[in-house]
Protein backbone atom coordinates (compact mmCIF):
# COMPACT_ATOMS: atom_id res chain seq x y z
CA LYS A 1 3.78 -19.54 -10.99
CA VAL A 2 5.42 -20.08 -14.36
CA ASN A 3 3.12 -20.02 -17.37
CA LEU A 4 4.25 -18.22 -20.48
CA LEU A 5 0.79 -18.31 -22.05
CA LEU A 6 -1.32 -16.64 -19.34
CA PRO A 7 -1.78 -12.86 -19.36
CA TYR A 8 -0.70 -10.62 -16.48
CA GLU A 9 -4.10 -10.94 -14.77
CA GLY A 10 -3.82 -14.73 -14.69
CA LEU A 11 -0.47 -14.62 -12.87
CA GLN A 12 -0.83 -11.50 -10.72
CA ASN A 13 -2.12 -13.32 -7.63
CA ALA A 14 0.69 -15.87 -7.54
CA ASN A 15 3.62 -13.75 -8.68
CA VAL A 16 2.90 -10.19 -7.51
CA ARG A 17 0.69 -10.64 -4.47
CA GLY A 18 2.52 -13.82 -3.47
CA THR A 19 5.84 -11.96 -3.35
CA ALA A 20 4.24 -9.14 -1.36
CA HIS A 21 2.85 -11.64 1.18
CA VAL A 22 6.27 -13.25 1.65
CA ILE A 23 7.81 -9.81 2.32
CA GLU A 24 5.04 -8.95 4.80
CA PHE A 25 5.54 -12.28 6.58
CA ALA A 26 9.28 -11.65 6.91
CA GLN A 27 8.62 -8.21 8.44
CA ASN A 28 5.93 -9.18 10.95
CA GLY A 29 6.74 -10.32 14.47
CA LYS A 30 10.29 -11.50 14.83
CA ILE A 31 12.29 -10.26 11.84
CA LYS A 32 13.14 -13.13 9.50
CA ALA A 33 15.82 -13.35 6.84
CA LEU A 34 14.46 -13.28 3.32
CA HIS A 35 16.58 -14.54 0.45
CA TYR A 36 14.85 -13.72 -2.82
CA VAL A 37 16.01 -15.43 -5.99
CA SER A 38 14.50 -14.27 -9.22
CA THR A 39 14.44 -15.48 -12.80
CA ASP A 40 15.44 -13.85 -16.02
CA GLY A 41 11.73 -13.32 -16.69
CA VAL A 42 12.16 -9.57 -16.24
CA PHE A 43 14.18 -9.43 -19.45
CA PRO A 44 12.49 -9.41 -22.85
CA GLU A 45 11.88 -12.75 -24.46
CA ALA A 46 13.78 -13.65 -27.61
CA GLY A 47 12.45 -11.67 -30.51
CA ASP A 48 10.91 -8.92 -28.36
CA LYS A 49 13.35 -6.29 -29.57
CA PRO A 50 12.38 -2.65 -29.83
CA ALA A 51 11.67 -1.28 -33.32
CA SER A 52 14.86 0.76 -33.19
CA GLY A 53 18.10 0.06 -31.42
CA PRO A 54 20.28 -3.00 -31.10
CA SER A 55 19.63 -5.96 -33.34
CA SER A 56 19.63 -8.26 -30.32
CA TRP A 57 19.24 -7.95 -26.57
CA HIS A 58 22.39 -8.04 -24.49
CA PHE A 59 22.43 -7.46 -20.75
CA GLU A 60 25.44 -7.47 -18.50
CA GLU A 61 25.15 -9.55 -15.33
CA ASP A 62 25.58 -6.43 -13.19
CA ALA A 63 23.11 -4.31 -15.16
CA GLU A 64 21.47 -1.81 -12.84
CA ASP A 65 17.93 -1.95 -14.19
CA PRO A 66 15.91 -4.29 -16.36
CA PRO A 67 14.04 -2.78 -19.29
CA PRO A 68 10.66 -1.12 -18.63
CA PRO A 69 7.67 -3.48 -18.40
CA GLY A 70 6.18 -2.19 -21.65
CA GLU A 71 8.91 -4.11 -23.47
CA LEU A 72 7.85 -7.39 -21.88
CA LYS A 73 5.30 -9.31 -23.92
CA SER A 74 4.45 -12.21 -21.60
CA GLY A 75 2.27 -11.95 -18.54
CA TYR A 76 4.95 -13.90 -16.68
CA GLY A 77 7.67 -11.37 -17.43
CA GLN A 78 5.36 -8.49 -16.56
CA THR A 79 4.38 -9.97 -13.18
CA LYS A 80 7.98 -10.75 -12.27
CA TRP A 81 8.97 -7.15 -13.15
CA VAL A 82 6.20 -5.72 -10.94
CA ALA A 83 6.99 -8.10 -8.06
CA GLU A 84 10.61 -6.97 -8.01
CA GLN A 85 9.89 -3.24 -7.78
């Protein structure tokens, strides 16, 4: 569910639990292929820069890890980060 105004709690069911259910479904019974495509929602929104550090966010395509969830301001970004852990 994409909604940039709802808090984490308003999106947790759809984005976190929904992802967990899809993974469980793929594991149960006959093993099924699961192709997960994410969004850039796990990266800080424009303007959500830390107090110190770079003046703008820049992430390489092959970056190993997204920033910690505390740097994400929207409930959407937070739920996508949790779902991908």
